[in-house]
Amino acid sequence: MIKLLCRRKSAMSFLAAGLALLVMMAGDARASGGTGEYDLDWPVRGERLAYHSCGCADDCWVAELRRGRALRARLRCDCEKLYFWRPGGGSEQLVGEECSATNHADKPTAIRQYLQRLLVAGRAGAKK
């Protein structure tokens, strides 16, 4: 009976260790591939600025501005360069040779401010 209990404890310990290893591996895989989407502060009611990382130690990211389901604008960094897109603006535009303007300690604020400047500049260009 004691041998059976010891075997059972040993099997349970082995299963618990295996499960812990799988959980750790899944967390590492998710961290290396980016993060889930979350909202950044955005001052316009009814619009949502959503952010997610896609790798490069959080130097690859995408921020999308949405009104309902409609995509209003996208600002993204591909680990090196900064790109901007908005409907009616044609293809994606290179707006920065490097992402250092946004990739620093206060990234959420920097992204919001950069996107606001691009949207204002786009409205001013459309009025001419």
N, C-alpha and C. Protein backbone atom coordinates (compact mmCIF):
# COMPACT_ATOMS: atom_id res chain seq x y z
N MET A 1 0.82 -1.19 0.00
CA MET A 1 0.00 0.00 0.00
C MET A 1 0.86 1.26 0.00
N ILE A 2 1.92 1.25 0.80
CA ILE A 2 2.80 2.41 0.88
C ILE A 2 3.51 2.62 -0.45
N LYS A 3 3.92 1.54 -1.11
CA LYS A 3 4.58 1.64 -2.40
C LYS A 3 3.62 2.28 -3.42
N LEU A 4 2.36 1.90 -3.39
CA LEU A 4 1.36 2.45 -4.30
C LEU A 4 1.18 3.96 -4.06
N LEU A 5 1.12 4.37 -2.79
CA LEU A 5 0.98 5.79 -2.48
C LEU A 5 2.21 6.57 -2.94
N CYS A 6 3.40 6.01 -2.77
CA CYS A 6 4.62 6.69 -3.20
C CYS A 6 4.64 6.84 -4.72
N ARG A 7 4.21 5.79 -5.43
CA ARG A 7 4.15 5.88 -6.89
C ARG A 7 3.15 6.94 -7.33
N ARG A 8 2.03 6.97 -6.65
CA ARG A 8 1.00 7.94 -7.00
C ARG A 8 1.50 9.37 -6.76
N LYS A 9 2.17 9.60 -5.61
CA LYS A 9 2.74 10.92 -5.32
C LYS A 9 3.78 11.30 -6.36
N SER A 10 4.60 10.34 -6.74
CA SER A 10 5.65 10.58 -7.73
C SER A 10 5.03 10.94 -9.08
N ALA A 11 3.99 10.24 -9.47
CA ALA A 11 3.31 10.52 -10.73
C ALA A 11 2.66 11.89 -10.70
N MET A 12 2.05 12.24 -9.58
CA MET A 12 1.40 13.55 -9.45
C MET A 12 2.45 14.67 -9.51
N SER A 13 3.58 14.47 -8.86
CA SER A 13 4.65 15.47 -8.89
C SER A 13 5.16 15.65 -10.32
N PHE A 14 5.31 14.54 -11.02
CA PHE A 14 5.78 14.59 -12.40
C PHE A 14 4.78 15.35 -13.28
N LEU A 15 3.50 15.07 -13.11
CA LEU A 15 2.47 15.78 -13.88
C LEU A 15 2.43 17.27 -13.55
N ALA A 16 2.56 17.59 -12.27
CA ALA A 16 2.56 19.00 -11.88
C ALA A 16 3.76 19.73 -12.46
N ALA A 17 4.92 19.10 -12.44
CA ALA A 17 6.12 19.71 -13.01
C ALA A 17 5.95 19.91 -14.52
N GLY A 18 5.38 18.92 -15.18
CA GLY A 18 5.15 19.02 -16.63
C GLY A 18 4.17 20.13 -16.96
N LEU A 19 3.12 20.25 -16.19
CA LEU A 19 2.13 21.31 -16.40
C LEU A 19 2.76 22.69 -16.17
N ALA A 20 3.56 22.82 -15.13
CA ALA A 20 4.24 24.09 -14.86
C ALA A 20 5.17 24.46 -16.02
N LEU A 21 5.86 23.49 -16.56
CA LEU A 21 6.76 23.73 -17.68
C LEU A 21 5.98 24.20 -18.91
N LEU A 22 4.85 23.58 -19.19
CA LEU A 22 4.02 23.99 -20.33
C LEU A 22 3.50 25.42 -20.16
N VAL A 23 3.09 25.77 -18.96
CA VAL A 23 2.59 27.13 -18.70
C VAL A 23 3.71 28.14 -18.91
N MET A 24 4.91 27.84 -18.43
CA MET A 24 6.04 28.75 -18.62
C MET A 24 6.39 28.89 -20.09
N MET A 25 6.38 27.80 -20.83
CA MET A 25 6.71 27.85 -22.25
C MET A 25 5.66 28.66 -23.01
N ALA A 26 4.40 28.51 -22.67
CA ALA A 26 3.35 29.26 -23.35
C ALA A 26 3.51 30.75 -23.07
N GLY A 27 3.86 31.13 -21.85
CA GLY A 27 4.09 32.52 -21.52
C GLY A 27 5.26 33.09 -22.29
N ASP A 28 6.35 32.32 -22.42
CA ASP A 28 7.52 32.78 -23.18
C ASP A 28 7.18 32.96 -24.65
N ALA A 29 6.39 32.06 -25.20
CA ALA A 29 6.03 32.15 -26.62
C ALA A 29 5.18 33.40 -26.85
N ARG A 30 4.26 33.68 -25.94
CA ARG A 30 3.41 34.85 -26.10
C ARG A 30 4.23 36.13 -25.96
N ALA A 31 5.18 36.16 -25.03
CA ALA A 31 6.00 37.35 -24.82
C ALA A 31 6.89 37.62 -26.03
N SER A 32 7.38 36.60 -26.67
CA SER A 32 8.28 36.83 -27.81
C SER A 32 7.50 37.27 -29.05
N GLY A 33 6.22 36.97 -29.11
CA GLY A 33 5.44 37.32 -30.28
C GLY A 33 4.65 38.59 -30.15
N GLY A 34 4.73 39.25 -29.03
CA GLY A 34 4.00 40.49 -28.84
C GLY A 34 3.01 40.38 -27.70
N THR A 35 2.18 41.37 -27.59
CA THR A 35 1.22 41.41 -26.48
C THR A 35 -0.20 41.45 -27.03
N GLY A 36 -1.12 41.27 -26.14
CA GLY A 36 -2.51 41.44 -26.52
C GLY A 36 -2.79 42.92 -26.75
N GLU A 37 -3.93 43.18 -27.31
CA GLU A 37 -4.31 44.56 -27.60
C GLU A 37 -4.83 45.24 -26.35
N TYR A 38 -4.46 46.51 -26.17
CA TYR A 38 -5.05 47.30 -25.10
C TYR A 38 -5.20 48.75 -25.55
N ASP A 39 -6.05 49.48 -24.84
CA ASP A 39 -6.37 50.85 -25.22
C ASP A 39 -5.37 51.85 -24.65
N LEU A 40 -5.06 52.85 -25.45
CA LEU A 40 -4.28 54.00 -25.01
C LEU A 40 -5.24 55.17 -24.83
N ASP A 41 -4.83 56.14 -24.05
CA ASP A 41 -5.68 57.33 -23.87
C ASP A 41 -5.90 58.02 -25.21
N TRP A 42 -7.14 58.39 -25.46
CA TRP A 42 -7.48 59.12 -26.67
C TRP A 42 -8.58 60.11 -26.31
N PRO A 43 -8.43 61.40 -26.65
CA PRO A 43 -9.34 62.43 -26.17
C PRO A 43 -10.69 62.52 -26.87
N VAL A 44 -10.86 61.83 -27.98
CA VAL A 44 -12.10 61.98 -28.75
C VAL A 44 -13.11 60.90 -28.34
N ARG A 45 -14.22 61.36 -27.85
CA ARG A 45 -15.29 60.44 -27.42
C ARG A 45 -15.81 59.66 -28.63
N GLY A 46 -16.02 58.37 -28.45
CA GLY A 46 -16.53 57.53 -29.54
C GLY A 46 -15.42 56.92 -30.39
N GLU A 47 -14.18 57.31 -30.12
CA GLU A 47 -13.04 56.73 -30.83
C GLU A 47 -12.17 55.97 -29.84
N ARG A 48 -11.45 55.01 -30.38
CA ARG A 48 -10.62 54.13 -29.55
C ARG A 48 -9.25 54.00 -30.19
N LEU A 49 -8.19 54.24 -29.41
CA LEU A 49 -6.82 54.04 -29.87
C LEU A 49 -6.32 52.76 -29.25
N ALA A 50 -6.19 51.72 -30.09
CA ALA A 50 -5.79 50.39 -29.62
C ALA A 50 -4.34 50.14 -30.00
N TYR A 51 -3.59 49.53 -29.08
CA TYR A 51 -2.15 49.28 -29.25
C TYR A 51 -1.86 47.81 -29.05
N HIS A 52 -0.97 47.27 -29.87
CA HIS A 52 -0.41 45.96 -29.57
C HIS A 52 1.02 45.89 -30.08
N SER A 53 1.81 45.13 -29.36
CA SER A 53 3.22 44.94 -29.70
C SER A 53 3.32 43.72 -30.61
N CYS A 54 4.32 43.70 -31.48
CA CYS A 54 4.49 42.54 -32.36
C CYS A 54 5.90 41.97 -32.31
N GLY A 55 6.73 42.42 -31.37
CA GLY A 55 8.06 41.83 -31.21
C GLY A 55 9.15 42.87 -31.06
N CYS A 56 10.37 42.45 -31.29
CA CYS A 56 11.57 43.32 -31.19
C CYS A 56 11.65 44.00 -29.84
N ALA A 57 11.36 43.26 -28.78
CA ALA A 57 11.39 43.83 -27.42
C ALA A 57 10.51 45.08 -27.33
N ASP A 58 9.34 45.02 -27.91
CA ASP A 58 8.34 46.09 -27.91
C ASP A 58 8.72 47.27 -28.81
N ASP A 59 9.69 47.08 -29.69
CA ASP A 59 10.01 48.12 -30.68
C ASP A 59 9.20 47.92 -31.96
N CYS A 60 8.53 46.82 -32.09
CA CYS A 60 7.59 46.58 -33.19
C CYS A 60 6.20 46.68 -32.58
N TRP A 61 5.39 47.61 -33.10
CA TRP A 61 4.06 47.80 -32.55
C TRP A 61 3.13 48.41 -33.58
N VAL A 62 1.85 48.32 -33.29
CA VAL A 62 0.81 48.89 -34.15
C VAL A 62 -0.19 49.62 -33.24
N ALA A 63 -0.53 50.85 -33.60
CA ALA A 63 -1.58 51.61 -32.90
C ALA A 63 -2.64 51.95 -33.94
N GLU A 64 -3.87 51.54 -33.68
CA GLU A 64 -4.97 51.79 -34.62
C GLU A 64 -6.04 52.64 -33.96
N LEU A 65 -6.44 53.67 -34.68
CA LEU A 65 -7.51 54.55 -34.22
C LEU A 65 -8.80 54.11 -34.91
N ARG A 66 -9.80 53.79 -34.10
CA ARG A 66 -11.08 53.31 -34.64
C ARG A 66 -12.24 54.13 -34.11
N ARG A 67 -13.21 54.28 -34.97
CA ARG A 67 -14.51 54.82 -34.58
C ARG A 67 -15.49 53.71 -34.88
N GLY A 68 -15.98 53.08 -33.83
CA GLY A 68 -16.78 51.86 -34.01
C GLY A 68 -15.88 50.79 -34.62
N ARG A 69 -16.34 50.22 -35.72
CA ARG A 69 -15.52 49.22 -36.43
C ARG A 69 -14.62 49.83 -37.49
N ALA A 70 -14.90 51.07 -37.85
CA ALA A 70 -14.17 51.73 -38.94
C ALA A 70 -12.78 52.17 -38.49
N LEU A 71 -11.80 51.82 -39.29
CA LEU A 71 -10.42 52.21 -39.02
C LEU A 71 -10.20 53.63 -39.54
N ARG A 72 -9.84 54.55 -38.64
CA ARG A 72 -9.59 55.96 -39.01
C ARG A 72 -8.14 56.21 -39.36
N ALA A 73 -7.21 55.52 -38.66
CA ALA A 73 -5.78 55.74 -38.91
C ALA A 73 -4.98 54.62 -38.26
N ARG A 74 -3.77 54.45 -38.79
CA ARG A 74 -2.86 53.45 -38.22
C ARG A 74 -1.46 54.06 -38.18
N LEU A 75 -0.81 53.94 -37.04
CA LEU A 75 0.58 54.34 -36.87
C LEU A 75 1.31 53.09 -36.40
N ARG A 76 2.43 52.77 -37.05
CA ARG A 76 3.12 51.55 -36.64
C ARG A 76 4.62 51.69 -36.79
N CYS A 77 5.32 50.91 -36.01
CA CYS A 77 6.78 50.83 -36.09
C CYS A 77 7.13 49.38 -36.41
N ASP A 78 8.01 49.19 -37.39
CA ASP A 78 8.40 47.83 -37.79
C ASP A 78 9.74 47.42 -37.16
N CYS A 79 10.06 47.97 -36.03
CA CYS A 79 11.33 47.79 -35.29
C CYS A 79 12.36 48.82 -35.70
N GLU A 80 12.15 49.46 -36.83
CA GLU A 80 13.12 50.45 -37.30
C GLU A 80 12.46 51.75 -37.75
N LYS A 81 11.48 51.65 -38.64
CA LYS A 81 10.89 52.83 -39.26
C LYS A 81 9.43 52.99 -38.84
N LEU A 82 8.97 54.24 -38.91
CA LEU A 82 7.62 54.59 -38.50
C LEU A 82 6.75 54.84 -39.73
N TYR A 83 5.55 54.24 -39.74
CA TYR A 83 4.64 54.33 -40.88
C TYR A 83 3.28 54.83 -40.42
N PHE A 84 2.58 55.54 -41.33
CA PHE A 84 1.26 56.08 -41.05
C PHE A 84 0.34 55.78 -42.22
N TRP A 85 -0.92 55.46 -41.90
CA TRP A 85 -1.93 55.22 -42.93
C TRP A 85 -3.25 55.77 -42.44
N ARG A 86 -4.03 56.30 -43.38
CA ARG A 86 -5.41 56.69 -43.09
C ARG A 86 -6.24 56.48 -44.36
N PRO A 87 -7.53 56.24 -44.21
CA PRO A 87 -8.39 56.04 -45.37
C PRO A 87 -8.33 57.26 -46.29
N GLY A 88 -8.31 57.02 -47.56
CA GLY A 88 -8.27 58.10 -48.52
C GLY A 88 -6.88 58.68 -48.73
N GLY A 89 -5.93 58.22 -47.94
CA GLY A 89 -4.58 58.74 -48.05
C GLY A 89 -3.68 57.88 -48.92
N GLY A 90 -4.27 56.90 -49.58
CA GLY A 90 -3.47 56.02 -50.43
C GLY A 90 -2.75 54.97 -49.60
N SER A 91 -1.56 54.62 -50.06
CA SER A 91 -0.81 53.57 -49.36
C SER A 91 -0.14 54.13 -48.11
N GLU A 92 0.34 53.26 -47.32
CA GLU A 92 1.04 53.61 -46.09
C GLU A 92 2.22 54.53 -46.38
N GLN A 93 2.43 55.55 -45.55
CA GLN A 93 3.51 56.51 -45.75
C GLN A 93 4.59 56.34 -44.69
N LEU A 94 5.83 56.43 -45.10
CA LEU A 94 6.95 56.46 -44.17
C LEU A 94 6.98 57.85 -43.54
N VAL A 95 6.87 57.92 -42.21
CA VAL A 95 6.84 59.23 -41.54
C VAL A 95 8.03 59.43 -40.61
N GLY A 96 8.87 58.41 -40.50
CA GLY A 96 10.05 58.53 -39.66
C GLY A 96 11.07 57.48 -40.01
N GLU A 97 12.30 57.90 -40.23
CA GLU A 97 13.37 56.95 -40.55
C GLU A 97 13.70 56.05 -39.37
N GLU A 98 13.31 56.49 -38.18
CA GLU A 98 13.47 55.65 -37.00
C GLU A 98 12.31 55.90 -36.05
N CYS A 99 12.10 54.97 -35.14
CA CYS A 99 10.95 55.05 -34.24
C CYS A 99 11.30 55.71 -32.91
N SER A 100 12.45 56.32 -32.80
CA SER A 100 12.89 56.89 -31.53
C SER A 100 11.95 57.99 -31.03
N ALA A 101 11.18 58.61 -31.91
CA ALA A 101 10.23 59.65 -31.49
C ALA A 101 9.13 59.07 -30.61
N THR A 102 8.90 57.77 -30.70
CA THR A 102 7.84 57.14 -29.90
C THR A 102 8.34 56.06 -28.96
N ASN A 103 9.47 55.45 -29.26
CA ASN A 103 9.95 54.33 -28.45
C ASN A 103 10.81 54.81 -27.29
N HIS A 104 10.15 55.29 -26.24
CA HIS A 104 10.87 55.69 -25.04
C HIS A 104 9.97 55.44 -23.83
N ALA A 105 10.36 55.92 -22.69
CA ALA A 105 9.68 55.58 -21.44
C ALA A 105 8.17 55.88 -21.45
N ASP A 106 7.76 56.98 -22.06
CA ASP A 106 6.33 57.32 -22.08
C ASP A 106 5.75 57.07 -23.48
N LYS A 107 5.89 55.85 -23.94
CA LYS A 107 5.46 55.49 -25.29
C LYS A 107 3.97 55.76 -25.54
N PRO A 108 3.05 55.41 -24.63
CA PRO A 108 1.63 55.66 -24.91
C PRO A 108 1.33 57.13 -25.20
N THR A 109 1.90 58.03 -24.42
CA THR A 109 1.68 59.47 -24.65
C THR A 109 2.32 59.90 -25.96
N ALA A 110 3.54 59.42 -26.22
CA ALA A 110 4.24 59.79 -27.46
C ALA A 110 3.47 59.32 -28.69
N ILE A 111 2.92 58.13 -28.65
CA ILE A 111 2.14 57.61 -29.78
C ILE A 111 0.90 58.47 -29.99
N ARG A 112 0.18 58.76 -28.91
CA ARG A 112 -1.03 59.58 -29.02
C ARG A 112 -0.70 60.95 -29.61
N GLN A 113 0.33 61.61 -29.11
CA GLN A 113 0.68 62.95 -29.59
C GLN A 113 1.14 62.92 -31.04
N TYR A 114 1.93 61.92 -31.41
CA TYR A 114 2.42 61.82 -32.79
C TYR A 114 1.25 61.61 -33.75
N LEU A 115 0.33 60.72 -33.37
CA LEU A 115 -0.84 60.45 -34.20
C LEU A 115 -1.73 61.70 -34.31
N GLN A 116 -1.91 62.42 -33.23
CA GLN A 116 -2.70 63.65 -33.28
C GLN A 116 -2.08 64.66 -34.24
N ARG A 117 -0.75 64.84 -34.20
CA ARG A 117 -0.07 65.76 -35.12
C ARG A 117 -0.28 65.34 -36.57
N LEU A 118 -0.17 64.05 -36.85
CA LEU A 118 -0.36 63.56 -38.22
C LEU A 118 -1.79 63.79 -38.70
N LEU A 119 -2.75 63.57 -37.84
CA LEU A 119 -4.15 63.76 -38.23
C LEU A 119 -4.46 65.23 -38.46
N VAL A 120 -3.95 66.12 -37.63
CA VAL A 120 -4.15 67.55 -37.81
C VAL A 120 -3.47 68.01 -39.10
N ALA A 121 -2.25 67.55 -39.34
CA ALA A 121 -1.53 67.90 -40.57
C ALA A 121 -2.29 67.40 -41.80
N GLY A 122 -2.90 66.24 -41.69
CA GLY A 122 -3.68 65.69 -42.80
C GLY A 122 -4.92 66.51 -43.08
N ARG A 123 -5.57 67.02 -42.04
CA ARG A 123 -6.76 67.87 -42.23
C ARG A 123 -6.36 69.20 -42.87
N ALA A 124 -5.23 69.74 -42.43
CA ALA A 124 -4.76 71.02 -42.97
C ALA A 124 -4.40 70.85 -44.45
N GLY A 125 -3.78 69.72 -44.79
CA GLY A 125 -3.42 69.45 -46.19
C GLY A 125 -4.64 69.24 -47.06
N ALA A 126 -5.71 68.65 -46.49
CA ALA A 126 -6.92 68.39 -47.26
C ALA A 126 -7.70 69.65 -47.54
N LYS A 127 -7.56 70.69 -46.70
CA LYS A 127 -8.30 71.93 -46.87
C LYS A 127 -7.71 72.83 -47.96
N LYS A 128 -6.45 72.61 -48.30
CA LYS A 128 -5.79 73.48 -49.30
C LYS A 128 -6.33 73.27 -50.67
